[in-house]
Amino acid sequence: MAGDRSLGGRTRFNPKPNWIGFGIFAAIALFRTSAHAIPTQSEYALKSAFLYNFCRFIDWPESAFSSANEPFIIGIAGDDPFGSLLNDTVKGKKYRNHPIRIDHFRAPGEIKRCHLLFVPRANVSRFDPTLTTTVAKNILTVSETDEFLNRGGMITLRAEPNRVRLRISRAAVHSANLVVSSKLLKVAEIKP
């Protein structure tokens, strides 16, 4: 992604930012509903958009891909809460020149190749052993509970009344050799 890069704690600014993409991401991050809680379908439509936008605002090293045409894989660990929402969101989209593909993993041992792993709240404890092995593999791990960050996960998308809260463990992301755009960091709560 042409964008900001972290250089030893410093951030280099790209003079040609993608303002349209940032505007869309900011609108998603600030989305509010009039109900007291986000309905499940709206919650997962919003989380689908977040996952796709992570592909746009986080950089994976070239070494995360074995070839120039290898797909960018978003993995779902366990039961898929998205239905068709995530597939619809990423249909025809790419990360750089890599087509985005959705894979489903029923058990931790099935995860062989993945770039972004979403672990639904119901499956967090079952996939705990996976978190310790993902760092060296440049896999962004995302879930829905705050304790996920304490277990080594990188991002949580937690539904709260009228919004989805985005929390990032910057240290965990950095240890996986992933670079988060400063634009994404501005709309997230950073885990100390």
N, C-alpha and C. Protein backbone atom coordinates (compact mmCIF):
# COMPACT_ATOMS: atom_id res chain seq x y z
N MET A 1 0.85 -1.17 0.00
CA MET A 1 0.00 0.00 0.00
C MET A 1 0.88 1.22 0.00
N ALA A 2 0.59 2.14 -0.88
CA ALA A 2 1.32 3.40 -0.85
C ALA A 2 0.73 4.21 0.28
N GLY A 3 1.47 4.47 1.29
CA GLY A 3 0.93 5.17 2.44
C GLY A 3 2.00 5.39 3.46
N ASP A 4 1.56 5.51 4.67
CA ASP A 4 2.48 5.78 5.76
C ASP A 4 3.26 4.53 6.09
N ARG A 5 4.45 4.71 6.52
CA ARG A 5 5.30 3.60 6.95
C ARG A 5 5.90 3.99 8.29
N SER A 6 6.00 2.99 9.16
CA SER A 6 6.63 3.23 10.44
C SER A 6 8.12 2.95 10.30
N LEU A 7 8.94 3.88 10.72
CA LEU A 7 10.39 3.73 10.64
C LEU A 7 10.98 3.93 12.03
N GLY A 8 11.17 2.85 12.74
CA GLY A 8 11.76 2.93 14.06
C GLY A 8 11.03 3.89 14.99
N GLY A 9 9.70 3.80 15.02
CA GLY A 9 8.93 4.65 15.92
C GLY A 9 8.48 5.94 15.26
N ARG A 10 9.06 6.27 14.09
CA ARG A 10 8.64 7.47 13.39
C ARG A 10 7.68 7.07 12.28
N THR A 11 6.90 8.01 11.83
CA THR A 11 5.99 7.76 10.73
C THR A 11 6.34 8.68 9.59
N ARG A 12 6.47 8.10 8.40
CA ARG A 12 6.73 8.90 7.22
C ARG A 12 5.40 9.18 6.55
N PHE A 13 5.16 10.43 6.18
CA PHE A 13 3.91 10.84 5.59
C PHE A 13 3.99 10.73 4.08
N ASN A 14 2.99 10.13 3.48
CA ASN A 14 2.89 10.06 2.03
C ASN A 14 2.18 11.33 1.58
N PRO A 15 2.81 12.16 0.73
CA PRO A 15 2.20 13.42 0.33
C PRO A 15 0.97 13.25 -0.55
N LYS A 16 0.68 12.05 -1.02
CA LYS A 16 -0.49 11.81 -1.85
C LYS A 16 -1.42 10.83 -1.15
N PRO A 17 -2.06 11.22 -0.05
CA PRO A 17 -2.90 10.28 0.68
C PRO A 17 -4.16 9.94 -0.11
N ASN A 18 -4.72 8.79 0.20
CA ASN A 18 -5.96 8.36 -0.41
C ASN A 18 -7.10 8.91 0.43
N TRP A 19 -7.48 10.15 0.18
CA TRP A 19 -8.48 10.82 1.00
C TRP A 19 -9.86 10.19 0.85
N ILE A 20 -10.17 9.69 -0.33
CA ILE A 20 -11.47 9.05 -0.52
C ILE A 20 -11.54 7.79 0.34
N GLY A 21 -10.49 6.96 0.28
CA GLY A 21 -10.45 5.75 1.09
C GLY A 21 -10.49 6.05 2.57
N PHE A 22 -9.75 7.09 2.98
CA PHE A 22 -9.76 7.47 4.38
C PHE A 22 -11.14 7.95 4.80
N GLY A 23 -11.79 8.72 3.94
CA GLY A 23 -13.13 9.22 4.26
C GLY A 23 -14.11 8.08 4.44
N ILE A 24 -14.02 7.08 3.58
CA ILE A 24 -14.89 5.92 3.70
C ILE A 24 -14.61 5.18 5.00
N PHE A 25 -13.31 4.98 5.31
CA PHE A 25 -12.95 4.28 6.54
C PHE A 25 -13.41 5.07 7.77
N ALA A 26 -13.20 6.38 7.76
CA ALA A 26 -13.61 7.21 8.89
C ALA A 26 -15.12 7.17 9.07
N ALA A 27 -15.86 7.18 7.96
CA ALA A 27 -17.32 7.10 8.05
C ALA A 27 -17.75 5.78 8.66
N ILE A 28 -17.07 4.70 8.26
CA ILE A 28 -17.38 3.40 8.84
C ILE A 28 -17.07 3.39 10.33
N ALA A 29 -15.91 3.95 10.70
CA ALA A 29 -15.50 3.95 12.10
C ALA A 29 -16.43 4.77 12.97
N LEU A 30 -17.03 5.78 12.40
CA LEU A 30 -17.90 6.67 13.18
C LEU A 30 -19.37 6.34 13.01
N PHE A 31 -19.69 5.25 12.30
CA PHE A 31 -21.06 4.86 12.03
C PHE A 31 -21.85 4.72 13.33
N ARG A 32 -23.02 5.28 13.33
CA ARG A 32 -23.91 5.18 14.49
C ARG A 32 -25.27 4.67 14.03
N THR A 33 -25.92 3.88 14.86
CA THR A 33 -27.29 3.49 14.56
C THR A 33 -28.20 4.15 15.58
N SER A 34 -29.48 4.21 15.27
CA SER A 34 -30.41 4.86 16.20
C SER A 34 -30.89 3.91 17.28
N ALA A 35 -30.66 2.61 17.11
CA ALA A 35 -31.08 1.64 18.11
C ALA A 35 -30.12 1.65 19.29
N HIS A 36 -30.52 1.01 20.38
CA HIS A 36 -29.65 0.93 21.56
C HIS A 36 -28.50 -0.04 21.37
N ALA A 37 -28.66 -1.02 20.53
CA ALA A 37 -27.58 -1.96 20.24
C ALA A 37 -27.57 -2.21 18.74
N ILE A 38 -26.43 -2.55 18.21
CA ILE A 38 -26.31 -2.79 16.78
C ILE A 38 -26.94 -4.15 16.49
N PRO A 39 -27.92 -4.20 15.58
CA PRO A 39 -28.47 -5.50 15.21
C PRO A 39 -27.37 -6.37 14.62
N THR A 40 -27.50 -7.70 14.78
CA THR A 40 -26.44 -8.61 14.37
C THR A 40 -26.04 -8.43 12.92
N GLN A 41 -27.01 -8.35 11.99
CA GLN A 41 -26.65 -8.21 10.58
C GLN A 41 -25.91 -6.90 10.34
N SER A 42 -26.38 -5.80 10.94
CA SER A 42 -25.68 -4.52 10.78
C SER A 42 -24.30 -4.59 11.41
N GLU A 43 -24.18 -5.25 12.55
CA GLU A 43 -22.89 -5.40 13.22
C GLU A 43 -21.90 -6.11 12.30
N TYR A 44 -22.32 -7.21 11.68
CA TYR A 44 -21.39 -7.96 10.84
C TYR A 44 -21.19 -7.34 9.47
N ALA A 45 -22.13 -6.55 9.00
CA ALA A 45 -21.90 -5.77 7.77
C ALA A 45 -20.81 -4.75 8.05
N LEU A 46 -20.87 -4.10 9.20
CA LEU A 46 -19.87 -3.12 9.59
C LEU A 46 -18.51 -3.79 9.81
N LYS A 47 -18.49 -4.93 10.48
CA LYS A 47 -17.23 -5.64 10.70
C LYS A 47 -16.64 -6.14 9.38
N SER A 48 -17.48 -6.52 8.42
CA SER A 48 -16.98 -6.90 7.09
C SER A 48 -16.25 -5.73 6.45
N ALA A 49 -16.83 -4.55 6.57
CA ALA A 49 -16.19 -3.36 6.00
C ALA A 49 -14.87 -3.06 6.70
N PHE A 50 -14.83 -3.24 8.02
CA PHE A 50 -13.58 -3.05 8.75
C PHE A 50 -12.51 -4.02 8.24
N LEU A 51 -12.85 -5.30 8.09
CA LEU A 51 -11.86 -6.28 7.65
C LEU A 51 -11.32 -5.92 6.27
N TYR A 52 -12.20 -5.51 5.37
CA TYR A 52 -11.72 -5.11 4.05
C TYR A 52 -10.81 -3.88 4.16
N ASN A 53 -11.19 -2.93 4.99
CA ASN A 53 -10.38 -1.72 5.13
C ASN A 53 -9.04 -2.00 5.79
N PHE A 54 -8.93 -3.04 6.60
CA PHE A 54 -7.62 -3.41 7.13
C PHE A 54 -6.69 -3.76 5.98
N CYS A 55 -7.22 -4.36 4.92
CA CYS A 55 -6.41 -4.68 3.74
C CYS A 55 -5.92 -3.41 3.06
N ARG A 56 -6.57 -2.31 3.28
CA ARG A 56 -6.21 -1.06 2.64
C ARG A 56 -5.33 -0.18 3.52
N PHE A 57 -5.40 -0.35 4.84
CA PHE A 57 -4.69 0.54 5.74
C PHE A 57 -3.61 -0.16 6.56
N ILE A 58 -3.31 -1.40 6.22
CA ILE A 58 -2.22 -2.14 6.86
C ILE A 58 -1.37 -2.74 5.74
N ASP A 59 -0.06 -2.68 5.89
CA ASP A 59 0.86 -3.25 4.90
C ASP A 59 1.45 -4.55 5.39
N TRP A 60 1.40 -5.55 4.52
CA TRP A 60 2.07 -6.83 4.75
C TRP A 60 3.37 -6.81 3.97
N PRO A 61 4.42 -7.42 4.49
CA PRO A 61 5.68 -7.46 3.72
C PRO A 61 5.51 -8.35 2.48
N GLU A 62 6.29 -8.07 1.46
CA GLU A 62 6.24 -8.89 0.25
C GLU A 62 6.53 -10.35 0.56
N SER A 63 7.34 -10.60 1.59
CA SER A 63 7.67 -11.98 1.96
C SER A 63 6.47 -12.76 2.49
N ALA A 64 5.34 -12.08 2.75
CA ALA A 64 4.13 -12.76 3.19
C ALA A 64 3.44 -13.49 2.05
N PHE A 65 3.92 -13.26 0.83
CA PHE A 65 3.34 -13.88 -0.36
C PHE A 65 4.40 -14.72 -1.06
N SER A 66 4.03 -15.92 -1.44
CA SER A 66 4.99 -16.80 -2.11
C SER A 66 5.12 -16.50 -3.60
N SER A 67 4.16 -15.77 -4.15
CA SER A 67 4.23 -15.40 -5.56
C SER A 67 3.45 -14.10 -5.80
N ALA A 68 3.64 -13.51 -6.95
CA ALA A 68 2.99 -12.24 -7.28
C ALA A 68 1.49 -12.39 -7.47
N ASN A 69 1.03 -13.60 -7.78
CA ASN A 69 -0.41 -13.79 -7.99
C ASN A 69 -1.09 -14.58 -6.87
N GLU A 70 -0.37 -14.85 -5.78
CA GLU A 70 -0.98 -15.55 -4.65
C GLU A 70 -2.10 -14.69 -4.07
N PRO A 71 -3.25 -15.28 -3.74
CA PRO A 71 -4.33 -14.48 -3.17
C PRO A 71 -4.00 -13.98 -1.76
N PHE A 72 -4.61 -12.86 -1.41
CA PHE A 72 -4.60 -12.37 -0.04
C PHE A 72 -5.73 -13.11 0.65
N ILE A 73 -5.40 -13.88 1.70
CA ILE A 73 -6.40 -14.76 2.32
C ILE A 73 -6.89 -14.19 3.64
N ILE A 74 -8.20 -13.99 3.71
CA ILE A 74 -8.86 -13.66 4.97
C ILE A 74 -9.44 -14.97 5.48
N GLY A 75 -8.96 -15.40 6.64
CA GLY A 75 -9.43 -16.65 7.21
C GLY A 75 -10.45 -16.41 8.30
N ILE A 76 -11.44 -17.27 8.38
CA ILE A 76 -12.44 -17.25 9.45
C ILE A 76 -12.21 -18.50 10.28
N ALA A 77 -11.93 -18.31 11.56
CA ALA A 77 -11.65 -19.42 12.47
C ALA A 77 -12.95 -19.91 13.12
N GLY A 78 -13.35 -21.12 12.79
CA GLY A 78 -14.57 -21.68 13.37
C GLY A 78 -15.80 -21.23 12.62
N ASP A 79 -16.91 -21.11 13.36
CA ASP A 79 -18.18 -20.73 12.74
C ASP A 79 -18.11 -19.32 12.15
N ASP A 80 -18.70 -19.15 10.98
CA ASP A 80 -18.67 -17.89 10.25
C ASP A 80 -19.91 -17.06 10.60
N PRO A 81 -19.74 -15.94 11.34
CA PRO A 81 -20.88 -15.11 11.70
C PRO A 81 -21.31 -14.15 10.59
N PHE A 82 -20.56 -14.09 9.49
CA PHE A 82 -20.81 -13.10 8.45
C PHE A 82 -21.88 -13.52 7.44
N GLY A 83 -22.13 -14.82 7.30
CA GLY A 83 -23.01 -15.25 6.22
C GLY A 83 -22.36 -14.86 4.89
N SER A 84 -23.10 -14.19 4.03
CA SER A 84 -22.54 -13.77 2.74
C SER A 84 -21.96 -12.35 2.80
N LEU A 85 -22.08 -11.67 3.94
CA LEU A 85 -21.67 -10.26 4.03
C LEU A 85 -20.20 -10.03 3.69
N LEU A 86 -19.30 -10.82 4.26
CA LEU A 86 -17.88 -10.62 4.00
C LEU A 86 -17.54 -10.95 2.55
N ASN A 87 -18.08 -12.03 2.03
CA ASN A 87 -17.85 -12.37 0.62
C ASN A 87 -18.33 -11.24 -0.29
N ASP A 88 -19.50 -10.70 -0.01
CA ASP A 88 -20.04 -9.59 -0.82
C ASP A 88 -19.15 -8.36 -0.72
N THR A 89 -18.60 -8.10 0.46
CA THR A 89 -17.76 -6.92 0.68
C THR A 89 -16.46 -7.00 -0.12
N VAL A 90 -15.84 -8.18 -0.19
CA VAL A 90 -14.52 -8.29 -0.83
C VAL A 90 -14.59 -8.79 -2.27
N LYS A 91 -15.77 -9.10 -2.75
CA LYS A 91 -15.91 -9.65 -4.11
C LYS A 91 -15.29 -8.69 -5.13
N GLY A 92 -14.35 -9.23 -5.91
CA GLY A 92 -13.69 -8.45 -6.95
C GLY A 92 -12.62 -7.49 -6.45
N LYS A 93 -12.36 -7.45 -5.14
CA LYS A 93 -11.38 -6.54 -4.56
C LYS A 93 -10.01 -7.20 -4.50
N LYS A 94 -8.99 -6.35 -4.37
CA LYS A 94 -7.62 -6.84 -4.30
C LYS A 94 -6.85 -6.12 -3.20
N TYR A 95 -5.83 -6.81 -2.69
CA TYR A 95 -4.81 -6.19 -1.85
C TYR A 95 -3.59 -6.06 -2.76
N ARG A 96 -3.23 -4.83 -3.06
CA ARG A 96 -2.23 -4.59 -4.09
C ARG A 96 -2.70 -5.32 -5.34
N ASN A 97 -1.93 -6.24 -5.87
CA ASN A 97 -2.38 -7.00 -7.05
C ASN A 97 -2.85 -8.40 -6.69
N HIS A 98 -3.03 -8.66 -5.41
CA HIS A 98 -3.44 -9.99 -4.95
C HIS A 98 -4.96 -10.03 -4.78
N PRO A 99 -5.64 -10.93 -5.48
CA PRO A 99 -7.09 -11.04 -5.27
C PRO A 99 -7.37 -11.47 -3.83
N ILE A 100 -8.45 -10.97 -3.25
CA ILE A 100 -8.80 -11.32 -1.88
C ILE A 100 -9.71 -12.55 -1.91
N ARG A 101 -9.37 -13.53 -1.06
CA ARG A 101 -10.12 -14.78 -0.97
C ARG A 101 -10.47 -15.03 0.50
N ILE A 102 -11.63 -15.61 0.73
CA ILE A 102 -12.07 -16.00 2.08
C ILE A 102 -11.89 -17.51 2.24
N ASP A 103 -11.18 -17.92 3.29
CA ASP A 103 -11.04 -19.34 3.63
C ASP A 103 -11.62 -19.57 5.02
N HIS A 104 -12.14 -20.77 5.24
CA HIS A 104 -12.71 -21.13 6.54
C HIS A 104 -11.88 -22.24 7.17
N PHE A 105 -11.59 -22.07 8.45
CA PHE A 105 -10.79 -23.04 9.19
C PHE A 105 -11.61 -23.55 10.37
N ARG A 106 -11.88 -24.84 10.39
CA ARG A 106 -12.70 -25.42 11.47
C ARG A 106 -11.88 -25.68 12.72
N ALA A 107 -10.55 -25.87 12.56
CA ALA A 107 -9.69 -26.18 13.71
C ALA A 107 -8.36 -25.46 13.51
N PRO A 108 -7.65 -25.17 14.61
CA PRO A 108 -6.37 -24.46 14.51
C PRO A 108 -5.36 -25.13 13.58
N GLY A 109 -5.33 -26.45 13.55
CA GLY A 109 -4.38 -27.17 12.71
C GLY A 109 -4.59 -27.00 11.22
N GLU A 110 -5.76 -26.51 10.81
CA GLU A 110 -6.05 -26.31 9.39
C GLU A 110 -5.42 -25.03 8.84
N ILE A 111 -4.99 -24.13 9.71
CA ILE A 111 -4.48 -22.84 9.26
C ILE A 111 -3.04 -23.00 8.77
N LYS A 112 -2.90 -23.08 7.47
CA LYS A 112 -1.57 -23.22 6.87
C LYS A 112 -1.13 -21.90 6.23
N ARG A 113 -2.03 -21.25 5.53
CA ARG A 113 -1.70 -20.01 4.82
C ARG A 113 -2.85 -19.04 5.02
N CYS A 114 -2.52 -17.86 5.54
CA CYS A 114 -3.53 -16.86 5.83
C CYS A 114 -2.82 -15.52 6.06
N HIS A 115 -3.47 -14.42 5.73
CA HIS A 115 -2.89 -13.09 5.95
C HIS A 115 -3.64 -12.33 7.04
N LEU A 116 -4.95 -12.52 7.10
CA LEU A 116 -5.78 -11.90 8.12
C LEU A 116 -6.67 -12.99 8.67
N LEU A 117 -6.61 -13.21 9.98
CA LEU A 117 -7.40 -14.26 10.62
C LEU A 117 -8.42 -13.62 11.55
N PHE A 118 -9.72 -13.84 11.25
CA PHE A 118 -10.79 -13.35 12.11
C PHE A 118 -11.26 -14.50 12.99
N VAL A 119 -11.24 -14.28 14.32
CA VAL A 119 -11.65 -15.29 15.28
C VAL A 119 -12.92 -14.80 15.97
N PRO A 120 -14.10 -15.33 15.59
CA PRO A 120 -15.34 -14.91 16.24
C PRO A 120 -15.29 -15.14 17.75
N ARG A 121 -16.04 -14.34 18.49
CA ARG A 121 -15.99 -14.40 19.96
C ARG A 121 -16.24 -15.81 20.49
N ALA A 122 -17.11 -16.58 19.85
CA ALA A 122 -17.42 -17.93 20.33
C ALA A 122 -16.26 -18.90 20.17
N ASN A 123 -15.26 -18.54 19.35
CA ASN A 123 -14.17 -19.47 19.06
C ASN A 123 -12.82 -19.04 19.63
N VAL A 124 -12.78 -17.95 20.38
CA VAL A 124 -11.50 -17.41 20.85
C VAL A 124 -10.71 -18.42 21.67
N SER A 125 -11.33 -19.06 22.65
CA SER A 125 -10.57 -19.98 23.51
C SER A 125 -10.13 -21.21 22.73
N ARG A 126 -10.91 -21.66 21.77
CA ARG A 126 -10.56 -22.83 20.96
C ARG A 126 -9.35 -22.56 20.07
N PHE A 127 -9.18 -21.30 19.64
CA PHE A 127 -8.10 -20.96 18.74
C PHE A 127 -6.94 -20.26 19.45
N ASP A 128 -6.95 -20.24 20.78
CA ASP A 128 -5.86 -19.62 21.54
C ASP A 128 -4.47 -20.10 21.15
N PRO A 129 -4.25 -21.41 20.98
CA PRO A 129 -2.90 -21.87 20.61
C PRO A 129 -2.41 -21.27 19.29
N THR A 130 -3.33 -20.92 18.42
CA THR A 130 -2.98 -20.35 17.12
C THR A 130 -2.28 -19.01 17.27
N LEU A 131 -2.70 -18.22 18.26
CA LEU A 131 -2.15 -16.87 18.41
C LEU A 131 -0.65 -16.87 18.64
N THR A 132 -0.13 -17.84 19.32
CA THR A 132 1.30 -17.88 19.59
C THR A 132 2.12 -18.25 18.36
N THR A 133 1.48 -18.85 17.38
CA THR A 133 2.22 -19.26 16.18
C THR A 133 2.04 -18.32 15.00
N THR A 134 1.19 -17.31 15.12
CA THR A 134 0.91 -16.44 13.98
C THR A 134 1.92 -15.32 13.80
N VAL A 135 2.61 -14.91 14.85
CA VAL A 135 3.49 -13.74 14.78
C VAL A 135 4.55 -13.88 13.70
N ALA A 136 5.22 -14.99 13.63
CA ALA A 136 6.28 -15.18 12.65
C ALA A 136 5.74 -15.33 11.23
N LYS A 137 4.43 -15.47 11.10
CA LYS A 137 3.83 -15.71 9.79
C LYS A 137 3.18 -14.48 9.18
N ASN A 138 3.35 -13.32 9.75
CA ASN A 138 2.77 -12.08 9.22
C ASN A 138 1.25 -12.17 9.08
N ILE A 139 0.60 -12.74 10.09
CA ILE A 139 -0.85 -12.86 10.08
C ILE A 139 -1.45 -11.83 11.04
N LEU A 140 -2.34 -11.00 10.52
CA LEU A 140 -3.08 -10.06 11.35
C LEU A 140 -4.22 -10.82 12.00
N THR A 141 -4.28 -10.82 13.33
CA THR A 141 -5.33 -11.53 14.05
C THR A 141 -6.34 -10.53 14.58
N VAL A 142 -7.62 -10.81 14.31
CA VAL A 142 -8.72 -9.91 14.66
C VAL A 142 -9.80 -10.72 15.34
N SER A 143 -10.38 -10.17 16.42
CA SER A 143 -11.49 -10.84 17.09
C SER A 143 -12.46 -9.80 17.62
N GLU A 144 -13.30 -10.24 18.57
CA GLU A 144 -14.39 -9.39 19.04
C GLU A 144 -14.38 -9.14 20.54
N THR A 145 -13.36 -9.59 21.25
CA THR A 145 -13.34 -9.42 22.70
C THR A 145 -12.06 -8.74 23.15
N ASP A 146 -12.14 -7.96 24.21
CA ASP A 146 -10.96 -7.27 24.73
C ASP A 146 -9.91 -8.24 25.26
N GLU A 147 -10.32 -9.37 25.82
CA GLU A 147 -9.33 -10.31 26.34
C GLU A 147 -8.49 -10.91 25.22
N PHE A 148 -8.98 -10.85 23.99
CA PHE A 148 -8.21 -11.32 22.83
C PHE A 148 -6.88 -10.59 22.73
N LEU A 149 -6.87 -9.29 23.00
CA LEU A 149 -5.62 -8.52 22.97
C LEU A 149 -4.67 -8.99 24.06
N ASN A 150 -5.19 -9.35 25.21
CA ASN A 150 -4.36 -9.83 26.32
C ASN A 150 -3.77 -11.20 26.04
N ARG A 151 -4.39 -11.95 25.13
CA ARG A 151 -3.92 -13.29 24.76
C ARG A 151 -2.94 -13.26 23.59
N GLY A 152 -2.64 -12.08 23.08
CA GLY A 152 -1.69 -11.97 21.97
C GLY A 152 -2.31 -11.56 20.65
N GLY A 153 -3.65 -11.37 20.64
CA GLY A 153 -4.32 -10.91 19.42
C GLY A 153 -3.94 -9.47 19.10
N MET A 154 -4.24 -9.04 17.90
CA MET A 154 -3.79 -7.73 17.43
C MET A 154 -4.88 -6.67 17.38
N ILE A 155 -6.08 -7.04 16.96
CA ILE A 155 -7.17 -6.06 16.83
C ILE A 155 -8.46 -6.66 17.36
N THR A 156 -9.24 -5.85 18.05
CA THR A 156 -10.59 -6.27 18.43
C THR A 156 -11.59 -5.30 17.81
N LEU A 157 -12.71 -5.86 17.39
CA LEU A 157 -13.86 -5.11 16.91
C LEU A 157 -15.00 -5.46 17.84
N ARG A 158 -15.24 -4.62 18.82
CA ARG A 158 -16.24 -4.95 19.84
C ARG A 158 -17.49 -4.12 19.64
N ALA A 159 -18.64 -4.79 19.54
CA ALA A 159 -19.91 -4.10 19.42
C ALA A 159 -20.29 -3.51 20.77
N GLU A 160 -20.63 -2.25 20.77
CA GLU A 160 -21.11 -1.54 21.94
C GLU A 160 -22.40 -0.86 21.56
N PRO A 161 -23.13 -0.33 22.52
CA PRO A 161 -24.35 0.38 22.15
C PRO A 161 -24.03 1.46 21.11
N ASN A 162 -24.66 1.34 19.97
CA ASN A 162 -24.61 2.33 18.89
C ASN A 162 -23.31 2.40 18.11
N ARG A 163 -22.36 1.47 18.30
CA ARG A 163 -21.12 1.54 17.54
C ARG A 163 -20.31 0.25 17.66
N VAL A 164 -19.27 0.17 16.83
CA VAL A 164 -18.27 -0.88 16.95
C VAL A 164 -16.98 -0.18 17.35
N ARG A 165 -16.36 -0.64 18.43
CA ARG A 165 -15.11 -0.04 18.90
C ARG A 165 -13.93 -0.82 18.35
N LEU A 166 -12.96 -0.10 17.82
CA LEU A 166 -11.75 -0.68 17.24
C LEU A 166 -10.61 -0.46 18.22
N ARG A 167 -9.99 -1.56 18.68
CA ARG A 167 -8.83 -1.48 19.56
C ARG A 167 -7.68 -2.24 18.92
N ILE A 168 -6.48 -1.65 19.00
CA ILE A 168 -5.30 -2.24 18.38
C ILE A 168 -4.19 -2.40 19.40
N SER A 169 -3.56 -3.58 19.38
CA SER A 169 -2.33 -3.78 20.13
C SER A 169 -1.20 -3.48 19.16
N ARG A 170 -0.71 -2.28 19.22
CA ARG A 170 0.32 -1.84 18.27
C ARG A 170 1.58 -2.71 18.37
N ALA A 171 1.93 -3.12 19.58
CA ALA A 171 3.12 -3.96 19.78
C ALA A 171 2.94 -5.31 19.10
N ALA A 172 1.75 -5.92 19.22
CA ALA A 172 1.51 -7.22 18.59
C ALA A 172 1.55 -7.11 17.07
N VAL A 173 0.97 -6.04 16.53
CA VAL A 173 0.99 -5.84 15.08
C VAL A 173 2.43 -5.64 14.60
N HIS A 174 3.16 -4.83 15.32
CA HIS A 174 4.56 -4.55 14.95
C HIS A 174 5.40 -5.83 15.01
N SER A 175 5.16 -6.67 16.01
CA SER A 175 5.95 -7.90 16.13
C SER A 175 5.70 -8.87 14.97
N ALA A 176 4.58 -8.72 14.27
CA ALA A 176 4.29 -9.56 13.11
C ALA A 176 4.81 -8.93 11.82
N ASN A 177 5.58 -7.84 11.96
CA ASN A 177 6.16 -7.15 10.82
C ASN A 177 5.11 -6.57 9.88
N LEU A 178 4.00 -6.10 10.47
CA LEU A 178 2.94 -5.44 9.73
C LEU A 178 3.01 -3.95 10.04
N VAL A 179 2.67 -3.12 9.06
CA VAL A 179 2.75 -1.67 9.23
C VAL A 179 1.34 -1.09 9.15
N VAL A 180 0.92 -0.43 10.22
CA VAL A 180 -0.41 0.16 10.29
C VAL A 180 -0.33 1.63 9.88
N SER A 181 -1.20 2.03 8.99
CA SER A 181 -1.27 3.42 8.56
C SER A 181 -1.64 4.31 9.74
N SER A 182 -1.07 5.49 9.78
CA SER A 182 -1.42 6.45 10.84
C SER A 182 -2.89 6.82 10.74
N LYS A 183 -3.49 6.74 9.56
CA LYS A 183 -4.91 7.03 9.38
C LYS A 183 -5.77 6.04 10.16
N LEU A 184 -5.38 4.78 10.15
CA LEU A 184 -6.11 3.77 10.92
C LEU A 184 -5.89 3.98 12.41
N LEU A 185 -4.67 4.30 12.80
CA LEU A 185 -4.38 4.52 14.22
C LEU A 185 -5.18 5.69 14.80
N LYS A 186 -5.49 6.68 13.96
CA LYS A 186 -6.26 7.84 14.42
C LYS A 186 -7.70 7.49 14.79
N VAL A 187 -8.26 6.45 14.18
CA VAL A 187 -9.65 6.11 14.47
C VAL A 187 -9.75 4.92 15.44
N ALA A 188 -8.62 4.46 15.96
CA ALA A 188 -8.60 3.31 16.86
C ALA A 188 -8.17 3.72 18.26
N GLU A 189 -8.54 2.89 19.21
CA GLU A 189 -8.02 3.01 20.58
C GLU A 189 -6.80 2.09 20.63
N ILE A 190 -5.67 2.64 21.06
CA ILE A 190 -4.43 1.88 21.09
C ILE A 190 -4.27 1.25 22.46
N LYS A 191 -4.02 -0.07 22.48
CA LYS A 191 -3.78 -0.75 23.76
C LYS A 191 -2.43 -0.33 24.29
N PRO A 192 -2.41 0.11 25.54
CA PRO A 192 -1.11 0.54 26.12
C PRO A 192 -0.14 -0.61 26.25
